[in-house]
Amino acid sequence: MKLNGKVVMVLCCLGAAAVAEAQSASYCADYARREAEYAAPAGRGMIRGGARGAAGGALFGAIAGDAGTGAAVGAIVGGVASGARNVSTRDQVYNDAYNACMRGNAP
């Protein structure tokens, strides 16, 4: 069976496009991970939230009569809440960057 040169070229291009798309998904996942890490570094939310929670807890505890316990509880609650917010931000940045990359809007 003899194939026309144009048919062979089209088949080759289709195969190359499929390979390129598979590579772009991997590239986009890596790109999105870097963007998410830059926007919301791991651990940043917990430290900042813990400090704010401790300050607020100490203030509330001082009013209630036990600043030390208030600070400890505030630090734990603030750290957990801010850590969860940081994870949410990181996930959103990852998804946005990945989708933008897959559409061809990434470097």
N, C-alpha and C. Protein backbone atom coordinates (compact mmCIF):
# COMPACT_ATOMS: atom_id res chain seq x y z
N MET A 1 0.85 -1.17 0.00
CA MET A 1 0.00 0.00 0.00
C MET A 1 0.89 1.23 0.00
N LYS A 2 0.62 2.13 -0.90
CA LYS A 2 1.42 3.34 -1.04
C LYS A 2 0.64 4.52 -0.45
N LEU A 3 1.26 5.25 0.46
CA LEU A 3 0.60 6.38 1.10
C LEU A 3 1.03 7.68 0.44
N ASN A 4 0.12 8.56 0.33
CA ASN A 4 0.37 9.89 -0.20
C ASN A 4 1.25 10.64 0.81
N GLY A 5 2.17 11.44 0.34
CA GLY A 5 3.08 12.20 1.21
C GLY A 5 2.34 13.14 2.15
N LYS A 6 1.22 13.72 1.70
CA LYS A 6 0.46 14.64 2.54
C LYS A 6 -0.21 13.90 3.70
N VAL A 7 -0.69 12.68 3.43
CA VAL A 7 -1.32 11.90 4.48
C VAL A 7 -0.31 11.55 5.56
N VAL A 8 0.88 11.14 5.15
CA VAL A 8 1.93 10.80 6.12
C VAL A 8 2.30 12.03 6.94
N MET A 9 2.39 13.19 6.31
CA MET A 9 2.75 14.41 7.03
C MET A 9 1.68 14.76 8.06
N VAL A 10 0.41 14.64 7.70
CA VAL A 10 -0.68 14.95 8.62
C VAL A 10 -0.64 14.00 9.81
N LEU A 11 -0.44 12.71 9.56
CA LEU A 11 -0.37 11.73 10.64
C LEU A 11 0.80 12.03 11.56
N CYS A 12 1.93 12.39 11.00
CA CYS A 12 3.10 12.73 11.82
C CYS A 12 2.83 13.95 12.68
N CYS A 13 2.19 14.96 12.11
CA CYS A 13 1.89 16.18 12.86
C CYS A 13 0.89 15.91 13.98
N LEU A 14 -0.10 15.07 13.73
CA LEU A 14 -1.06 14.72 14.77
C LEU A 14 -0.38 14.00 15.93
N GLY A 15 0.53 13.10 15.62
CA GLY A 15 1.28 12.39 16.66
C GLY A 15 2.16 13.33 17.45
N ALA A 16 2.80 14.28 16.78
CA ALA A 16 3.65 15.25 17.46
C ALA A 16 2.82 16.16 18.35
N ALA A 17 1.62 16.53 17.91
CA ALA A 17 0.76 17.39 18.72
C ALA A 17 0.33 16.67 19.99
N ALA A 18 0.05 15.39 19.91
CA ALA A 18 -0.34 14.64 21.10
C ALA A 18 0.80 14.57 22.10
N VAL A 19 2.01 14.37 21.62
CA VAL A 19 3.18 14.33 22.51
C VAL A 19 3.42 15.70 23.11
N ALA A 20 3.27 16.76 22.30
CA ALA A 20 3.49 18.11 22.80
C ALA A 20 2.47 18.46 23.89
N GLU A 21 1.22 18.02 23.72
CA GLU A 21 0.21 18.32 24.72
C GLU A 21 0.51 17.59 26.03
N ALA A 22 0.97 16.35 25.95
CA ALA A 22 1.33 15.62 27.16
C ALA A 22 2.47 16.32 27.89
N GLN A 23 3.41 16.85 27.14
CA GLN A 23 4.52 17.57 27.76
C GLN A 23 4.03 18.89 28.35
N SER A 24 3.09 19.52 27.68
CA SER A 24 2.63 20.80 28.19
C SER A 24 1.85 20.62 29.50
N ALA A 25 1.15 19.52 29.67
CA ALA A 25 0.45 19.28 30.93
C ALA A 25 1.46 19.14 32.07
N SER A 26 2.54 18.44 31.81
CA SER A 26 3.59 18.30 32.82
C SER A 26 4.26 19.65 33.10
N TYR A 27 4.54 20.38 32.04
CA TYR A 27 5.15 21.71 32.19
C TYR A 27 4.21 22.62 32.98
N CYS A 28 2.92 22.58 32.64
CA CYS A 28 1.95 23.45 33.31
C CYS A 28 1.80 23.11 34.79
N ALA A 29 1.87 21.84 35.12
CA ALA A 29 1.79 21.43 36.53
C ALA A 29 3.00 21.97 37.30
N ASP A 30 4.17 21.89 36.70
CA ASP A 30 5.37 22.40 37.35
C ASP A 30 5.31 23.92 37.48
N TYR A 31 4.87 24.57 36.41
CA TYR A 31 4.73 26.03 36.42
C TYR A 31 3.74 26.45 37.52
N ALA A 32 2.61 25.77 37.61
CA ALA A 32 1.59 26.11 38.61
C ALA A 32 2.11 25.89 40.03
N ARG A 33 2.89 24.83 40.25
CA ARG A 33 3.48 24.59 41.58
C ARG A 33 4.40 25.74 41.98
N ARG A 34 5.22 26.20 41.03
CA ARG A 34 6.13 27.32 41.33
C ARG A 34 5.36 28.59 41.65
N GLU A 35 4.32 28.87 40.88
CA GLU A 35 3.50 30.06 41.11
C GLU A 35 2.82 30.00 42.48
N ALA A 36 2.28 28.84 42.83
CA ALA A 36 1.59 28.68 44.11
C ALA A 36 2.57 28.84 45.28
N GLU A 37 3.75 28.28 45.14
CA GLU A 37 4.76 28.40 46.20
C GLU A 37 5.19 29.85 46.38
N TYR A 38 5.30 30.58 45.27
CA TYR A 38 5.70 31.99 45.36
C TYR A 38 4.59 32.82 46.02
N ALA A 39 3.34 32.56 45.64
CA ALA A 39 2.21 33.35 46.14
C ALA A 39 1.87 33.04 47.59
N ALA A 40 1.99 31.77 47.98
CA ALA A 40 1.59 31.36 49.33
C ALA A 40 2.57 30.31 49.84
N PRO A 41 3.76 30.73 50.29
CA PRO A 41 4.76 29.77 50.76
C PRO A 41 4.22 28.92 51.92
N ALA A 42 4.62 27.68 51.93
CA ALA A 42 4.18 26.74 52.97
C ALA A 42 4.60 27.25 54.35
N GLY A 43 3.69 27.23 55.29
CA GLY A 43 3.98 27.62 56.67
C GLY A 43 3.80 29.09 56.96
N ARG A 44 3.73 29.92 55.95
CA ARG A 44 3.64 31.36 56.19
C ARG A 44 2.36 31.72 56.94
N GLY A 45 1.27 31.12 56.56
CA GLY A 45 -0.01 31.46 57.18
C GLY A 45 -0.06 31.09 58.65
N MET A 46 0.50 29.96 59.00
CA MET A 46 0.43 29.49 60.39
C MET A 46 1.21 30.39 61.33
N ILE A 47 2.38 30.82 60.90
CA ILE A 47 3.22 31.65 61.77
C ILE A 47 2.57 33.01 62.00
N ARG A 48 2.17 33.64 60.91
CA ARG A 48 1.55 34.96 61.02
C ARG A 48 0.23 34.88 61.79
N GLY A 49 -0.58 33.89 61.47
CA GLY A 49 -1.86 33.74 62.16
C GLY A 49 -1.69 33.42 63.63
N GLY A 50 -0.68 32.61 63.95
CA GLY A 50 -0.42 32.29 65.35
C GLY A 50 -0.03 33.52 66.15
N ALA A 51 0.79 34.37 65.54
CA ALA A 51 1.21 35.59 66.23
C ALA A 51 0.02 36.52 66.45
N ARG A 52 -0.81 36.68 65.43
CA ARG A 52 -1.98 37.54 65.57
C ARG A 52 -2.97 36.95 66.58
N GLY A 53 -3.15 35.63 66.51
CA GLY A 53 -4.06 34.98 67.45
C GLY A 53 -3.58 35.10 68.88
N ALA A 54 -2.28 34.99 69.08
CA ALA A 54 -1.72 35.12 70.44
C ALA A 54 -1.95 36.52 70.98
N ALA A 55 -1.74 37.51 70.12
CA ALA A 55 -1.96 38.90 70.57
C ALA A 55 -3.43 39.13 70.92
N GLY A 56 -4.32 38.70 70.05
CA GLY A 56 -5.74 38.86 70.31
C GLY A 56 -6.19 38.06 71.52
N GLY A 57 -5.67 36.84 71.64
CA GLY A 57 -6.02 35.99 72.77
C GLY A 57 -5.53 36.56 74.08
N ALA A 58 -4.34 37.13 74.08
CA ALA A 58 -3.80 37.74 75.30
C ALA A 58 -4.65 38.93 75.72
N LEU A 59 -5.08 39.72 74.73
CA LEU A 59 -5.93 40.88 75.04
C LEU A 59 -7.27 40.41 75.62
N PHE A 60 -7.88 39.44 74.97
CA PHE A 60 -9.15 38.91 75.47
C PHE A 60 -8.95 38.25 76.83
N GLY A 61 -7.86 37.49 76.97
CA GLY A 61 -7.57 36.83 78.24
C GLY A 61 -7.32 37.82 79.36
N ALA A 62 -6.69 38.95 79.05
CA ALA A 62 -6.44 39.96 80.06
C ALA A 62 -7.75 40.54 80.57
N ILE A 63 -8.69 40.71 79.66
CA ILE A 63 -10.01 41.22 80.07
C ILE A 63 -10.72 40.19 80.94
N ALA A 64 -10.60 38.91 80.54
CA ALA A 64 -11.27 37.83 81.28
C ALA A 64 -10.51 37.43 82.54
N GLY A 65 -9.24 37.80 82.64
CA GLY A 65 -8.49 37.52 83.85
C GLY A 65 -7.36 36.51 83.70
N ASP A 66 -7.14 35.94 82.53
CA ASP A 66 -6.06 34.96 82.35
C ASP A 66 -5.42 35.16 80.97
N ALA A 67 -4.50 36.11 80.91
CA ALA A 67 -3.89 36.47 79.63
C ALA A 67 -3.07 35.32 79.03
N GLY A 68 -2.41 34.54 79.86
CA GLY A 68 -1.57 33.44 79.36
C GLY A 68 -2.37 32.38 78.63
N THR A 69 -3.47 31.96 79.23
CA THR A 69 -4.32 30.95 78.60
C THR A 69 -4.95 31.52 77.32
N GLY A 70 -5.39 32.77 77.39
CA GLY A 70 -5.98 33.42 76.21
C GLY A 70 -5.00 33.49 75.06
N ALA A 71 -3.74 33.79 75.37
CA ALA A 71 -2.72 33.88 74.33
C ALA A 71 -2.46 32.50 73.71
N ALA A 72 -2.42 31.48 74.54
CA ALA A 72 -2.17 30.13 74.03
C ALA A 72 -3.30 29.66 73.13
N VAL A 73 -4.53 29.85 73.59
CA VAL A 73 -5.69 29.46 72.79
C VAL A 73 -5.74 30.28 71.51
N GLY A 74 -5.51 31.57 71.60
CA GLY A 74 -5.52 32.44 70.42
C GLY A 74 -4.46 32.05 69.41
N ALA A 75 -3.28 31.67 69.88
CA ALA A 75 -2.21 31.25 68.98
C ALA A 75 -2.59 29.99 68.22
N ILE A 76 -3.18 29.04 68.92
CA ILE A 76 -3.58 27.78 68.27
C ILE A 76 -4.68 28.03 67.24
N VAL A 77 -5.72 28.74 67.66
CA VAL A 77 -6.84 29.01 66.75
C VAL A 77 -6.39 29.86 65.57
N GLY A 78 -5.61 30.88 65.84
CA GLY A 78 -5.13 31.75 64.76
C GLY A 78 -4.21 31.02 63.80
N GLY A 79 -3.35 30.17 64.32
CA GLY A 79 -2.44 29.41 63.47
C GLY A 79 -3.17 28.43 62.57
N VAL A 80 -4.14 27.72 63.12
CA VAL A 80 -4.90 26.75 62.34
C VAL A 80 -5.73 27.46 61.27
N ALA A 81 -6.41 28.53 61.66
CA ALA A 81 -7.27 29.26 60.71
C ALA A 81 -6.45 29.88 59.59
N SER A 82 -5.34 30.49 59.93
CA SER A 82 -4.51 31.12 58.90
C SER A 82 -3.82 30.08 58.03
N GLY A 83 -3.44 28.97 58.62
CA GLY A 83 -2.83 27.89 57.83
C GLY A 83 -3.82 27.35 56.81
N ALA A 84 -5.07 27.18 57.22
CA ALA A 84 -6.10 26.70 56.30
C ALA A 84 -6.35 27.72 55.19
N ARG A 85 -6.35 28.99 55.52
CA ARG A 85 -6.53 30.03 54.51
C ARG A 85 -5.37 30.04 53.53
N ASN A 86 -4.15 29.82 54.02
CA ASN A 86 -2.97 29.78 53.16
C ASN A 86 -3.06 28.61 52.17
N VAL A 87 -3.53 27.46 52.65
CA VAL A 87 -3.68 26.29 51.78
C VAL A 87 -4.73 26.59 50.71
N SER A 88 -5.81 27.23 51.11
CA SER A 88 -6.86 27.58 50.15
C SER A 88 -6.33 28.54 49.09
N THR A 89 -5.58 29.54 49.51
CA THR A 89 -4.98 30.49 48.57
C THR A 89 -4.03 29.79 47.62
N ARG A 90 -3.21 28.91 48.18
CA ARG A 90 -2.24 28.16 47.38
C ARG A 90 -2.95 27.30 46.33
N ASP A 91 -4.04 26.63 46.72
CA ASP A 91 -4.79 25.80 45.77
C ASP A 91 -5.40 26.65 44.66
N GLN A 92 -5.93 27.81 45.03
CA GLN A 92 -6.56 28.69 44.03
C GLN A 92 -5.51 29.21 43.04
N VAL A 93 -4.35 29.62 43.55
CA VAL A 93 -3.29 30.11 42.67
C VAL A 93 -2.81 28.98 41.75
N TYR A 94 -2.66 27.77 42.29
CA TYR A 94 -2.24 26.63 41.48
C TYR A 94 -3.24 26.39 40.35
N ASN A 95 -4.53 26.33 40.69
CA ASN A 95 -5.55 26.07 39.67
C ASN A 95 -5.59 27.15 38.61
N ASP A 96 -5.51 28.41 39.02
CA ASP A 96 -5.52 29.51 38.06
C ASP A 96 -4.31 29.46 37.14
N ALA A 97 -3.12 29.22 37.72
CA ALA A 97 -1.90 29.17 36.92
C ALA A 97 -1.90 27.98 35.96
N TYR A 98 -2.37 26.84 36.43
CA TYR A 98 -2.41 25.64 35.58
C TYR A 98 -3.36 25.85 34.40
N ASN A 99 -4.55 26.37 34.69
CA ASN A 99 -5.53 26.60 33.63
C ASN A 99 -5.04 27.64 32.63
N ALA A 100 -4.41 28.70 33.12
CA ALA A 100 -3.87 29.72 32.23
C ALA A 100 -2.78 29.13 31.34
N CYS A 101 -1.94 28.30 31.93
CA CYS A 101 -0.86 27.67 31.17
C CYS A 101 -1.42 26.75 30.09
N MET A 102 -2.43 25.97 30.44
CA MET A 102 -3.02 25.05 29.47
C MET A 102 -3.69 25.81 28.32
N ARG A 103 -4.14 27.03 28.58
CA ARG A 103 -4.71 27.85 27.52
C ARG A 103 -3.62 28.55 26.71
N GLY A 104 -2.36 28.43 27.16
CA GLY A 104 -1.25 29.05 26.44
C GLY A 104 -0.90 30.43 26.94
N ASN A 105 -1.35 30.78 28.14
CA ASN A 105 -1.09 32.11 28.71
C ASN A 105 -0.01 32.07 29.79
N ALA A 106 1.02 31.30 29.60
CA ALA A 106 2.10 31.22 30.59
C ALA A 106 3.43 31.30 29.86
N PRO A 107 4.45 31.77 30.55
CA PRO A 107 5.77 31.87 29.90
C PRO A 107 6.38 30.53 29.55
